[in-house]
Amino acid sequence: MDLNEELKKQARQLTELQDSVSEIKGLLVHRQANQDEWLCPKEARQILKVSARKEQYLRDSGKLPFTKIGRDVRINRSCVIKLLNEGC
């Protein structure tokens, strides 16, 4: 194989690698965007499959972190997923 063919082969491989990296970056950005989403308590309950009382208990006990914006309670999706994976 001459030098020119070898360079073309390496250029194709590099392009394929760059495409793969771009695809992985896109997936990671999408995943991070979903986990940074804020949920209302009802949405958190639906994901966790718990009652309103259980959701309140999880917040009161500190197992489910939340934030208040005015009178509205918001729960970060990543916290809900983490709690779901740990088992509530």
N, C-alpha and C. Protein backbone atom coordinates (compact mmCIF):
# COMPACT_ATOMS: atom_id res chain seq x y z
N MET A 1 0.85 -1.17 0.00
CA MET A 1 0.00 0.00 0.00
C MET A 1 0.90 1.24 0.00
N ASP A 2 0.62 2.15 -0.86
CA ASP A 2 1.47 3.34 -0.90
C ASP A 2 1.00 4.35 0.17
N LEU A 3 1.82 5.33 0.37
CA LEU A 3 1.60 6.33 1.42
C LEU A 3 0.29 7.09 1.24
N ASN A 4 -0.07 7.42 0.02
CA ASN A 4 -1.30 8.17 -0.27
C ASN A 4 -2.54 7.37 0.15
N GLU A 5 -2.57 6.09 -0.16
CA GLU A 5 -3.70 5.24 0.21
C GLU A 5 -3.80 5.11 1.73
N GLU A 6 -2.67 4.99 2.39
CA GLU A 6 -2.64 4.88 3.84
C GLU A 6 -3.19 6.15 4.49
N LEU A 7 -2.82 7.30 3.97
CA LEU A 7 -3.33 8.56 4.49
C LEU A 7 -4.84 8.70 4.29
N LYS A 8 -5.33 8.26 3.14
CA LYS A 8 -6.77 8.31 2.88
C LYS A 8 -7.51 7.39 3.85
N LYS A 9 -6.96 6.22 4.12
CA LYS A 9 -7.58 5.27 5.04
C LYS A 9 -7.64 5.86 6.45
N GLN A 10 -6.55 6.47 6.89
CA GLN A 10 -6.52 7.08 8.21
C GLN A 10 -7.47 8.27 8.30
N ALA A 11 -7.60 9.02 7.22
CA ALA A 11 -8.53 10.15 7.19
C ALA A 11 -9.97 9.67 7.34
N ARG A 12 -10.32 8.56 6.67
CA ARG A 12 -11.67 7.98 6.81
C ARG A 12 -11.92 7.52 8.24
N GLN A 13 -10.92 6.87 8.82
CA GLN A 13 -11.06 6.39 10.19
C GLN A 13 -11.24 7.57 11.16
N LEU A 14 -10.49 8.63 10.93
CA LEU A 14 -10.61 9.82 11.77
C LEU A 14 -11.99 10.45 11.65
N THR A 15 -12.51 10.51 10.45
CA THR A 15 -13.85 11.06 10.22
C THR A 15 -14.90 10.22 10.94
N GLU A 16 -14.78 8.89 10.85
CA GLU A 16 -15.72 8.00 11.53
C GLU A 16 -15.64 8.20 13.04
N LEU A 17 -14.44 8.35 13.56
CA LEU A 17 -14.26 8.57 14.99
C LEU A 17 -14.87 9.91 15.42
N GLN A 18 -14.67 10.94 14.62
CA GLN A 18 -15.26 12.25 14.94
C GLN A 18 -16.78 12.18 14.92
N ASP A 19 -17.35 11.46 13.98
CA ASP A 19 -18.80 11.29 13.92
C ASP A 19 -19.31 10.57 15.17
N SER A 20 -18.59 9.54 15.60
CA SER A 20 -18.99 8.80 16.80
C SER A 20 -18.93 9.69 18.03
N VAL A 21 -17.89 10.48 18.15
CA VAL A 21 -17.76 11.39 19.29
C VAL A 21 -18.89 12.41 19.29
N SER A 22 -19.22 12.94 18.15
CA SER A 22 -20.33 13.91 18.05
C SER A 22 -21.65 13.28 18.47
N GLU A 23 -21.87 12.05 18.06
CA GLU A 23 -23.10 11.35 18.43
C GLU A 23 -23.16 11.13 19.94
N ILE A 24 -22.05 10.74 20.55
CA ILE A 24 -22.01 10.52 22.00
C ILE A 24 -22.25 11.83 22.74
N LYS A 25 -21.64 12.92 22.27
CA LYS A 25 -21.87 14.23 22.89
C LYS A 25 -23.34 14.61 22.85
N GLY A 26 -23.98 14.37 21.72
CA GLY A 26 -25.41 14.67 21.59
C GLY A 26 -26.25 13.89 22.57
N LEU A 27 -25.93 12.62 22.76
CA LEU A 27 -26.67 11.78 23.71
C LEU A 27 -26.47 12.27 25.14
N LEU A 28 -25.25 12.65 25.47
CA LEU A 28 -24.97 13.13 26.82
C LEU A 28 -25.67 14.45 27.10
N VAL A 29 -25.68 15.35 26.15
CA VAL A 29 -26.36 16.64 26.32
C VAL A 29 -27.85 16.40 26.53
N HIS A 30 -28.44 15.51 25.73
CA HIS A 30 -29.86 15.20 25.86
C HIS A 30 -30.15 14.59 27.24
N ARG A 31 -29.30 13.69 27.68
CA ARG A 31 -29.50 13.04 28.98
C ARG A 31 -29.40 14.07 30.10
N GLN A 32 -28.39 14.93 30.03
CA GLN A 32 -28.22 15.94 31.06
C GLN A 32 -29.39 16.91 31.07
N ALA A 33 -29.89 17.29 29.92
CA ALA A 33 -31.03 18.21 29.84
C ALA A 33 -32.24 17.59 30.52
N ASN A 34 -32.47 16.30 30.32
CA ASN A 34 -33.61 15.63 30.95
C ASN A 34 -33.47 15.57 32.46
N GLN A 35 -32.25 15.37 32.96
CA GLN A 35 -32.06 15.25 34.39
C GLN A 35 -32.08 16.59 35.10
N ASP A 36 -31.88 17.67 34.39
CA ASP A 36 -31.93 18.99 35.01
C ASP A 36 -33.35 19.55 35.04
N GLU A 37 -34.30 18.77 34.60
CA GLU A 37 -35.69 19.21 34.55
C GLU A 37 -36.28 19.24 35.96
N TRP A 38 -37.09 20.26 36.22
CA TRP A 38 -37.77 20.39 37.51
C TRP A 38 -39.20 19.88 37.39
N LEU A 39 -39.63 19.11 38.37
CA LEU A 39 -40.95 18.50 38.38
C LEU A 39 -41.80 19.07 39.50
N CYS A 40 -43.10 19.06 39.29
CA CYS A 40 -44.01 19.39 40.38
C CYS A 40 -44.18 18.10 41.20
N PRO A 41 -44.68 18.20 42.43
CA PRO A 41 -44.83 17.01 43.26
C PRO A 41 -45.68 15.91 42.61
N LYS A 42 -46.72 16.27 41.89
CA LYS A 42 -47.57 15.27 41.25
C LYS A 42 -46.77 14.45 40.23
N GLU A 43 -45.93 15.12 39.44
CA GLU A 43 -45.11 14.40 38.46
C GLU A 43 -44.10 13.48 39.15
N ALA A 44 -43.53 13.96 40.27
CA ALA A 44 -42.59 13.13 41.03
C ALA A 44 -43.30 11.90 41.59
N ARG A 45 -44.51 12.09 42.10
CA ARG A 45 -45.29 10.95 42.63
C ARG A 45 -45.57 9.92 41.54
N GLN A 46 -45.90 10.40 40.36
CA GLN A 46 -46.20 9.48 39.26
C GLN A 46 -44.98 8.65 38.88
N ILE A 47 -43.81 9.27 38.87
CA ILE A 47 -42.59 8.53 38.55
C ILE A 47 -42.26 7.54 39.66
N LEU A 48 -42.37 8.00 40.92
CA LEU A 48 -42.03 7.14 42.06
C LEU A 48 -43.12 6.13 42.39
N LYS A 49 -44.32 6.37 41.86
CA LYS A 49 -45.47 5.50 42.15
C LYS A 49 -45.75 5.45 43.66
N VAL A 50 -45.85 6.65 44.25
CA VAL A 50 -46.16 6.76 45.67
C VAL A 50 -47.34 7.70 45.86
N SER A 51 -47.92 7.64 47.04
CA SER A 51 -49.05 8.52 47.37
C SER A 51 -48.54 9.91 47.69
N ALA A 52 -49.48 10.85 47.80
CA ALA A 52 -49.13 12.23 48.16
C ALA A 52 -48.50 12.26 49.56
N ARG A 53 -49.04 11.46 50.45
CA ARG A 53 -48.51 11.42 51.83
C ARG A 53 -47.07 10.89 51.84
N LYS A 54 -46.81 9.83 51.10
CA LYS A 54 -45.47 9.26 51.04
C LYS A 54 -44.49 10.27 50.44
N GLU A 55 -44.91 10.97 49.39
CA GLU A 55 -44.05 11.99 48.77
C GLU A 55 -43.75 13.09 49.77
N GLN A 56 -44.74 13.50 50.55
CA GLN A 56 -44.54 14.52 51.59
C GLN A 56 -43.56 14.01 52.64
N TYR A 57 -43.72 12.75 53.05
CA TYR A 57 -42.82 12.15 54.04
C TYR A 57 -41.38 12.15 53.51
N LEU A 58 -41.20 11.77 52.24
CA LEU A 58 -39.86 11.73 51.65
C LEU A 58 -39.23 13.12 51.63
N ARG A 59 -40.03 14.14 51.36
CA ARG A 59 -39.52 15.52 51.39
C ARG A 59 -39.19 15.94 52.82
N ASP A 60 -40.12 15.66 53.76
CA ASP A 60 -39.92 16.06 55.16
C ASP A 60 -38.70 15.37 55.78
N SER A 61 -38.46 14.13 55.40
CA SER A 61 -37.34 13.37 55.98
C SER A 61 -36.01 13.68 55.29
N GLY A 62 -36.05 14.47 54.24
CA GLY A 62 -34.82 14.84 53.54
C GLY A 62 -34.36 13.83 52.51
N LYS A 63 -35.15 12.79 52.31
CA LYS A 63 -34.78 11.78 51.31
C LYS A 63 -35.04 12.25 49.89
N LEU A 64 -35.94 13.22 49.76
CA LEU A 64 -36.27 13.77 48.45
C LEU A 64 -36.08 15.29 48.50
N PRO A 65 -34.90 15.76 48.11
CA PRO A 65 -34.65 17.21 48.14
C PRO A 65 -35.61 17.97 47.23
N PHE A 66 -35.93 19.17 47.62
CA PHE A 66 -36.86 19.98 46.83
C PHE A 66 -36.51 21.45 47.03
N THR A 67 -37.11 22.27 46.22
CA THR A 67 -36.95 23.71 46.37
C THR A 67 -38.33 24.35 46.27
N LYS A 68 -38.48 25.49 46.92
CA LYS A 68 -39.74 26.23 46.83
C LYS A 68 -39.48 27.51 46.07
N ILE A 69 -40.34 27.77 45.12
CA ILE A 69 -40.31 29.02 44.37
C ILE A 69 -41.64 29.69 44.66
N GLY A 70 -41.60 30.65 45.57
CA GLY A 70 -42.85 31.22 46.05
C GLY A 70 -43.59 30.15 46.84
N ARG A 71 -44.79 29.83 46.40
CA ARG A 71 -45.57 28.78 47.06
C ARG A 71 -45.46 27.44 46.35
N ASP A 72 -44.78 27.43 45.21
CA ASP A 72 -44.67 26.21 44.40
C ASP A 72 -43.47 25.37 44.82
N VAL A 73 -43.70 24.09 44.97
CA VAL A 73 -42.64 23.12 45.27
C VAL A 73 -42.15 22.53 43.96
N ARG A 74 -40.84 22.44 43.80
CA ARG A 74 -40.26 21.83 42.61
C ARG A 74 -39.20 20.82 43.05
N ILE A 75 -39.17 19.70 42.35
CA ILE A 75 -38.25 18.61 42.66
C ILE A 75 -37.45 18.30 41.40
N ASN A 76 -36.13 18.21 41.57
CA ASN A 76 -35.26 17.94 40.43
C ASN A 76 -35.44 16.48 39.99
N ARG A 77 -35.61 16.30 38.67
CA ARG A 77 -35.80 14.96 38.12
C ARG A 77 -34.66 14.02 38.51
N SER A 78 -33.42 14.51 38.52
CA SER A 78 -32.29 13.64 38.85
C SER A 78 -32.40 13.11 40.28
N CYS A 79 -32.96 13.91 41.21
CA CYS A 79 -33.16 13.45 42.57
C CYS A 79 -34.22 12.37 42.63
N VAL A 80 -35.27 12.53 41.83
CA VAL A 80 -36.33 11.52 41.78
C VAL A 80 -35.78 10.22 41.22
N ILE A 81 -35.01 10.29 40.14
CA ILE A 81 -34.43 9.09 39.54
C ILE A 81 -33.47 8.41 40.51
N LYS A 82 -32.67 9.20 41.22
CA LYS A 82 -31.74 8.63 42.19
C LYS A 82 -32.50 7.90 43.29
N LEU A 83 -33.55 8.51 43.80
CA LEU A 83 -34.35 7.89 44.84
C LEU A 83 -35.03 6.62 44.32
N LEU A 84 -35.49 6.68 43.09
CA LEU A 84 -36.13 5.52 42.47
C LEU A 84 -35.15 4.36 42.38
N ASN A 85 -33.91 4.64 41.99
CA ASN A 85 -32.90 3.60 41.86
C ASN A 85 -32.50 3.01 43.22
N GLU A 86 -32.53 3.86 44.26
CA GLU A 86 -32.19 3.39 45.60
C GLU A 86 -33.34 2.62 46.24
N GLY A 87 -34.54 2.88 45.77
CA GLY A 87 -35.72 2.26 46.37
C GLY A 87 -36.24 3.11 47.49
N CYS A 88 -37.44 3.61 47.33
CA CYS A 88 -38.00 4.49 48.37
C CYS A 88 -38.96 3.74 49.17
